Amino acid sequence: GYAIVIFVSVLSSFVLERGFYNAQLA
């Protein structure tokens, strides 16, 4: 579950050209 959250969050941010939520993902 944590892996899919990180995967989808980073990928969605890249596709939508938004900021990466590094603090939360870290």
PDB file of all heavy atoms in Angstrom:
ATOM      1  N   GLY A   1       0.811  -1.215   0.000  1.00  0.00           N
ATOM      2  CA  GLY A   1       0.000   0.000   0.000  1.00  0.00           C
ATOM      3  C   GLY A   1       0.840   1.260   0.000  1.00  0.00           C
ATOM      4  O   GLY A   1       0.565   2.202  -0.751  1.00  0.00           O
ATOM      5  N   TYR A   2       1.900   1.291   0.826  1.00  0.00           N
ATOM      6  CA  TYR A   2       2.769   2.466   0.841  1.00  0.00           C
ATOM      7  C   TYR A   2       3.516   2.608  -0.484  1.00  0.00           C
ATOM      8  O   TYR A   2       3.740   3.717  -0.968  1.00  0.00           O
ATOM      9  CB  TYR A   2       3.761   2.372   2.002  1.00  0.00           C
ATOM     10  CG  TYR A   2       3.103   2.563   3.347  1.00  0.00           C
ATOM     11  CD1 TYR A   2       3.402   1.743   4.429  1.00  0.00           C
ATOM     12  CD2 TYR A   2       2.171   3.580   3.538  1.00  0.00           C
ATOM     13  CE1 TYR A   2       2.785   1.920   5.654  1.00  0.00           C
ATOM     14  CE2 TYR A   2       1.551   3.761   4.755  1.00  0.00           C
ATOM     15  CZ  TYR A   2       1.860   2.933   5.811  1.00  0.00           C
ATOM     16  OH  TYR A   2       1.240   3.107   7.022  1.00  0.00           O
ATOM     17  N   ALA A   3       3.878   1.480  -1.075  1.00  0.00           N
ATOM     18  CA  ALA A   3       4.559   1.525  -2.374  1.00  0.00           C
ATOM     19  C   ALA A   3       3.658   2.115  -3.445  1.00  0.00           C
ATOM     20  O   ALA A   3       4.090   2.949  -4.252  1.00  0.00           O
ATOM     21  CB  ALA A   3       5.019   0.122  -2.769  1.00  0.00           C
ATOM     22  N   ILE A   4       2.379   1.710  -3.462  1.00  0.00           N
ATOM     23  CA  ILE A   4       1.467   2.214  -4.492  1.00  0.00           C
ATOM     24  C   ILE A   4       1.153   3.683  -4.256  1.00  0.00           C
ATOM     25  O   ILE A   4       0.965   4.458  -5.211  1.00  0.00           O
ATOM     26  CB  ILE A   4       0.163   1.367  -4.533  1.00  0.00           C
ATOM     27  CG1 ILE A   4      -0.579   1.591  -5.870  1.00  0.00           C
ATOM     28  CG2 ILE A   4      -0.741   1.654  -3.373  1.00  0.00           C
ATOM     29  CD1 ILE A   4       0.111   1.056  -7.058  1.00  0.00           C
ATOM     30  N   VAL A   5       1.120   4.132  -3.002  1.00  0.00           N
ATOM     31  CA  VAL A   5       0.884   5.545  -2.705  1.00  0.00           C
ATOM     32  C   VAL A   5       2.034   6.392  -3.246  1.00  0.00           C
ATOM     33  O   VAL A   5       1.821   7.431  -3.892  1.00  0.00           O
ATOM     34  CB  VAL A   5       0.718   5.761  -1.188  1.00  0.00           C
ATOM     35  CG1 VAL A   5       0.816   7.243  -0.841  1.00  0.00           C
ATOM     36  CG2 VAL A   5      -0.618   5.210  -0.724  1.00  0.00           C
ATOM     37  N   ILE A   6       3.265   5.964  -2.997  1.00  0.00           N
ATOM     38  CA  ILE A   6       4.436   6.700  -3.491  1.00  0.00           C
ATOM     39  C   ILE A   6       4.464   6.679  -5.014  1.00  0.00           C
ATOM     40  O   ILE A   6       4.681   7.707  -5.667  1.00  0.00           O
ATOM     41  CB  ILE A   6       5.726   6.089  -2.915  1.00  0.00           C
ATOM     42  CG1 ILE A   6       5.766   6.262  -1.397  1.00  0.00           C
ATOM     43  CG2 ILE A   6       6.960   6.735  -3.549  1.00  0.00           C
ATOM     44  CD1 ILE A   6       6.894   5.515  -0.719  1.00  0.00           C
ATOM     45  N   PHE A   7       4.220   5.514  -5.591  1.00  0.00           N
ATOM     46  CA  PHE A   7       4.247   5.355  -7.045  1.00  0.00           C
ATOM     47  C   PHE A   7       3.220   6.264  -7.718  1.00  0.00           C
ATOM     48  O   PHE A   7       3.541   7.028  -8.637  1.00  0.00           O
ATOM     49  CB  PHE A   7       3.980   3.884  -7.395  1.00  0.00           C
ATOM     50  CG  PHE A   7       3.891   3.601  -8.868  1.00  0.00           C
ATOM     51  CD1 PHE A   7       5.032   3.365  -9.610  1.00  0.00           C
ATOM     52  CD2 PHE A   7       2.660   3.566  -9.512  1.00  0.00           C
ATOM     53  CE1 PHE A   7       4.962   3.097 -10.964  1.00  0.00           C
ATOM     54  CE2 PHE A   7       2.565   3.299 -10.869  1.00  0.00           C
ATOM     55  CZ  PHE A   7       3.730   3.071 -11.601  1.00  0.00           C
ATOM     56  N   VAL A   8       1.981   6.204  -7.270  1.00  0.00           N
ATOM     57  CA  VAL A   8       0.902   6.973  -7.904  1.00  0.00           C
ATOM     58  C   VAL A   8       1.080   8.466  -7.658  1.00  0.00           C
ATOM     59  O   VAL A   8       0.845   9.286  -8.556  1.00  0.00           O
ATOM     60  CB  VAL A   8      -0.468   6.497  -7.378  1.00  0.00           C
ATOM     61  CG1 VAL A   8      -1.573   7.432  -7.834  1.00  0.00           C
ATOM     62  CG2 VAL A   8      -0.741   5.083  -7.860  1.00  0.00           C
ATOM     63  N   SER A   9       1.514   8.840  -6.457  1.00  0.00           N
ATOM     64  CA  SER A   9       1.680  10.255  -6.141  1.00  0.00           C
ATOM     65  C   SER A   9       2.750  10.897  -7.012  1.00  0.00           C
ATOM     66  O   SER A   9       2.538  11.975  -7.580  1.00  0.00           O
ATOM     67  CB  SER A   9       2.036  10.426  -4.663  1.00  0.00           C
ATOM     68  OG  SER A   9       2.223  11.790  -4.340  1.00  0.00           O
ATOM     69  N   VAL A  10       3.895  10.242  -7.129  1.00  0.00           N
ATOM     70  CA  VAL A  10       4.983  10.793  -7.954  1.00  0.00           C
ATOM     71  C   VAL A  10       4.575  10.808  -9.422  1.00  0.00           C
ATOM     72  O   VAL A  10       4.805  11.791 -10.138  1.00  0.00           O
ATOM     73  CB  VAL A  10       6.272   9.983  -7.757  1.00  0.00           C
ATOM     74  CG1 VAL A  10       7.366  10.463  -8.716  1.00  0.00           C
ATOM     75  CG2 VAL A  10       6.768  10.099  -6.321  1.00  0.00           C
ATOM     76  N   LEU A  11       3.972   9.711  -9.892  1.00  0.00           N
ATOM     77  CA  LEU A  11       3.580   9.625 -11.304  1.00  0.00           C
ATOM     78  C   LEU A  11       2.498  10.655 -11.637  1.00  0.00           C
ATOM     79  O   LEU A  11       2.565  11.322 -12.686  1.00  0.00           O
ATOM     80  CB  LEU A  11       3.084   8.218 -11.620  1.00  0.00           C
ATOM     81  CG  LEU A  11       2.826   7.905 -13.101  1.00  0.00           C
ATOM     82  CD1 LEU A  11       4.100   8.063 -13.907  1.00  0.00           C
ATOM     83  CD2 LEU A  11       2.278   6.496 -13.268  1.00  0.00           C
ATOM     84  N   SER A  12       1.503  10.824 -10.768  1.00  0.00           N
ATOM     85  CA  SER A  12       0.448  11.806 -11.005  1.00  0.00           C
ATOM     86  C   SER A  12       1.003  13.224 -11.014  1.00  0.00           C
ATOM     87  O   SER A  12       0.613  14.050 -11.848  1.00  0.00           O
ATOM     88  CB  SER A  12      -0.647  11.684  -9.939  1.00  0.00           C
ATOM     89  OG  SER A  12      -1.260  10.421  -9.968  1.00  0.00           O
ATOM     90  N   SER A  13       1.919  13.506 -10.096  1.00  0.00           N
ATOM     91  CA  SER A  13       2.524  14.836 -10.054  1.00  0.00           C
ATOM     92  C   SER A  13       3.310  15.121 -11.328  1.00  0.00           C
ATOM     93  O   SER A  13       3.300  16.238 -11.845  1.00  0.00           O
ATOM     94  CB  SER A  13       3.447  14.958  -8.836  1.00  0.00           C
ATOM     95  OG  SER A  13       2.718  14.837  -7.636  1.00  0.00           O
ATOM     96  N   PHE A  14       3.985  14.089 -11.838  1.00  0.00           N
ATOM     97  CA  PHE A  14       4.759  14.261 -13.076  1.00  0.00           C
ATOM     98  C   PHE A  14       3.834  14.476 -14.277  1.00  0.00           C
ATOM     99  O   PHE A  14       4.052  15.375 -15.085  1.00  0.00           O
ATOM    100  CB  PHE A  14       5.646  13.034 -13.299  1.00  0.00           C
ATOM    101  CG  PHE A  14       6.411  13.077 -14.599  1.00  0.00           C
ATOM    102  CD1 PHE A  14       7.546  13.853 -14.727  1.00  0.00           C
ATOM    103  CD2 PHE A  14       5.980  12.338 -15.694  1.00  0.00           C
ATOM    104  CE1 PHE A  14       8.244  13.897 -15.930  1.00  0.00           C
ATOM    105  CE2 PHE A  14       6.666  12.371 -16.893  1.00  0.00           C
ATOM    106  CZ  PHE A  14       7.806  13.159 -17.009  1.00  0.00           C
ATOM    107  N   VAL A  15       2.788  13.659 -14.390  1.00  0.00           N
ATOM    108  CA  VAL A  15       1.875  13.755 -15.531  1.00  0.00           C
ATOM    109  C   VAL A  15       1.121  15.079 -15.520  1.00  0.00           C
ATOM    110  O   VAL A  15       0.949  15.725 -16.559  1.00  0.00           O
ATOM    111  CB  VAL A  15       0.878  12.574 -15.520  1.00  0.00           C
ATOM    112  CG1 VAL A  15      -0.211  12.777 -16.565  1.00  0.00           C
ATOM    113  CG2 VAL A  15       1.615  11.262 -15.779  1.00  0.00           C
ATOM    114  N   LEU A  16       0.679  15.500 -14.333  1.00  0.00           N
ATOM    115  CA  LEU A  16      -0.092  16.735 -14.222  1.00  0.00           C
ATOM    116  C   LEU A  16       0.782  17.966 -14.050  1.00  0.00           C
ATOM    117  O   LEU A  16       0.266  19.081 -13.916  1.00  0.00           O
ATOM    118  CB  LEU A  16      -1.065  16.638 -13.042  1.00  0.00           C
ATOM    119  CG  LEU A  16      -2.108  15.525 -13.127  1.00  0.00           C
ATOM    120  CD1 LEU A  16      -2.938  15.474 -11.858  1.00  0.00           C
ATOM    121  CD2 LEU A  16      -3.001  15.712 -14.340  1.00  0.00           C
ATOM    122  N   GLU A  17       2.119  17.757 -14.033  1.00  0.00           N
ATOM    123  CA  GLU A  17       3.078  18.851 -13.890  1.00  0.00           C
ATOM    124  C   GLU A  17       2.809  19.655 -12.622  1.00  0.00           C
ATOM    125  O   GLU A  17       2.736  20.877 -12.623  1.00  0.00           O
ATOM    126  CB  GLU A  17       3.045  19.765 -15.126  1.00  0.00           C
ATOM    127  CG  GLU A  17       3.437  19.041 -16.407  1.00  0.00           C
ATOM    128  CD  GLU A  17       3.415  19.955 -17.618  1.00  0.00           C
ATOM    129  OE1 GLU A  17       2.946  21.112 -17.483  1.00  0.00           O
ATOM    130  OE2 GLU A  17       3.860  19.520 -18.696  1.00  0.00           O
ATOM    131  N   ARG A  18       2.688  18.917 -11.532  1.00  0.00           N
ATOM    132  CA  ARG A  18       2.459  19.532 -10.226  1.00  0.00           C
ATOM    133  C   ARG A  18       3.657  19.270  -9.336  1.00  0.00           C
ATOM    134  O   ARG A  18       4.565  18.519  -9.694  1.00  0.00           O
ATOM    135  CB  ARG A  18       1.188  18.947  -9.589  1.00  0.00           C
ATOM    136  CG  ARG A  18      -0.064  19.129 -10.429  1.00  0.00           C
ATOM    137  CD  ARG A  18      -1.196  18.299  -9.890  1.00  0.00           C
ATOM    138  NE  ARG A  18      -1.662  18.788  -8.603  1.00  0.00           N
ATOM    139  CZ  ARG A  18      -2.702  19.612  -8.463  1.00  0.00           C
ATOM    140  NH1 ARG A  18      -3.358  20.037  -9.522  1.00  0.00           N
ATOM    141  NH2 ARG A  18      -3.079  20.021  -7.281  1.00  0.00           N
ATOM    142  N   GLY A  19       3.642  19.878  -8.164  1.00  0.00           N
ATOM    143  CA  GLY A  19       4.733  19.681  -7.230  1.00  0.00           C
ATOM    144  C   GLY A  19       4.718  18.302  -6.614  1.00  0.00           C
ATOM    145  O   GLY A  19       3.660  17.673  -6.490  1.00  0.00           O
ATOM    146  N   PHE A  20       5.884  17.808  -6.221  1.00  0.00           N
ATOM    147  CA  PHE A  20       5.986  16.509  -5.560  1.00  0.00           C
ATOM    148  C   PHE A  20       5.890  16.716  -4.055  1.00  0.00           C
ATOM    149  O   PHE A  20       6.530  17.599  -3.497  1.00  0.00           O
ATOM    150  CB  PHE A  20       7.323  15.832  -5.897  1.00  0.00           C
ATOM    151  CG  PHE A  20       7.515  15.584  -7.363  1.00  0.00           C
ATOM    152  CD1 PHE A  20       8.320  16.407  -8.117  1.00  0.00           C
ATOM    153  CD2 PHE A  20       6.873  14.528  -7.982  1.00  0.00           C
ATOM    154  CE1 PHE A  20       8.502  16.189  -9.471  1.00  0.00           C
ATOM    155  CE2 PHE A  20       7.038  14.296  -9.339  1.00  0.00           C
ATOM    156  CZ  PHE A  20       7.861  15.140 -10.088  1.00  0.00           C
ATOM    157  N   TYR A  21       5.087  15.877  -3.411  1.00  0.00           N
ATOM    158  CA  TYR A  21       4.883  15.997  -1.966  1.00  0.00           C
ATOM    159  C   TYR A  21       5.969  15.201  -1.242  1.00  0.00           C
ATOM    160  O   TYR A  21       5.721  14.173  -0.626  1.00  0.00           O
ATOM    161  CB  TYR A  21       3.477  15.524  -1.599  1.00  0.00           C
ATOM    162  CG  TYR A  21       2.422  16.412  -2.195  1.00  0.00           C
ATOM    163  CD1 TYR A  21       1.931  16.166  -3.471  1.00  0.00           C
ATOM    164  CD2 TYR A  21       1.961  17.525  -1.514  1.00  0.00           C
ATOM    165  CE1 TYR A  21       0.988  17.008  -4.041  1.00  0.00           C
ATOM    166  CE2 TYR A  21       1.019  18.373  -2.067  1.00  0.00           C
ATOM    167  CZ  TYR A  21       0.539  18.103  -3.338  1.00  0.00           C
ATOM    168  OH  TYR A  21      -0.378  18.934  -3.898  1.00  0.00           O
ATOM    169  N   ASN A  22       7.189  15.740  -1.322  1.00  0.00           N
ATOM    170  CA  ASN A  22       8.350  15.001  -0.823  1.00  0.00           C
ATOM    171  C   ASN A  22       8.307  14.773   0.680  1.00  0.00           C
ATOM    172  O   ASN A  22       8.687  13.706   1.155  1.00  0.00           O
ATOM    173  CB  ASN A  22       9.630  15.757  -1.186  1.00  0.00           C
ATOM    174  CG  ASN A  22       9.913  15.724  -2.673  1.00  0.00           C
ATOM    175  OD1 ASN A  22       9.169  15.106  -3.437  1.00  0.00           O
ATOM    176  ND2 ASN A  22      10.963  16.387  -3.095  1.00  0.00           N
ATOM    177  N   ALA A  23       7.885  15.781   1.430  1.00  0.00           N
ATOM    178  CA  ALA A  23       7.893  15.645   2.887  1.00  0.00           C
ATOM    179  C   ALA A  23       6.968  14.524   3.336  1.00  0.00           C
ATOM    180  O   ALA A  23       7.344  13.684   4.166  1.00  0.00           O
ATOM    181  CB  ALA A  23       7.490  16.965   3.534  1.00  0.00           C
ATOM    182  N   GLN A  24       5.759  14.480   2.787  1.00  0.00           N
ATOM    183  CA  GLN A  24       4.809  13.441   3.155  1.00  0.00           C
ATOM    184  C   GLN A  24       5.270  12.074   2.675  1.00  0.00           C
ATOM    185  O   GLN A  24       5.172  11.077   3.401  1.00  0.00           O
ATOM    186  CB  GLN A  24       3.424  13.757   2.578  1.00  0.00           C
ATOM    187  CG  GLN A  24       2.729  14.931   3.231  1.00  0.00           C
ATOM    188  CD  GLN A  24       3.127  16.246   2.580  1.00  0.00           C
ATOM    189  OE1 GLN A  24       4.094  16.315   1.824  1.00  0.00           O
ATOM    190  NE2 GLN A  24       2.386  17.301   2.894  1.00  0.00           N
ATOM    191  N   LEU A  25       5.765  11.998   1.449  1.00  0.00           N
ATOM    192  CA  LEU A  25       6.229  10.718   0.914  1.00  0.00           C
ATOM    193  C   LEU A  25       7.454  10.213   1.667  1.00  0.00           C
ATOM    194  O   LEU A  25       7.614   9.009   1.876  1.00  0.00           O
ATOM    195  CB  LEU A  25       6.552  10.857  -0.580  1.00  0.00           C
ATOM    196  CG  LEU A  25       5.370  11.196  -1.492  1.00  0.00           C
ATOM    197  CD1 LEU A  25       5.837  11.320  -2.935  1.00  0.00           C
ATOM    198  CD2 LEU A  25       4.282  10.137  -1.383  1.00  0.00           C
ATOM    199  N   ALA A  26       8.319  11.141   2.054  1.00  0.00           N
ATOM    200  CA  ALA A  26       9.495  10.752   2.830  1.00  0.00           C
ATOM    201  C   ALA A  26       9.087  10.191   4.189  1.00  0.00           C
ATOM    202  O   ALA A  26       9.650   9.213   4.676  1.00  0.00           O
ATOM    203  CB  ALA A  26      10.422  11.944   3.011  1.00  0.00           C
TER     204      ALA A  26
END
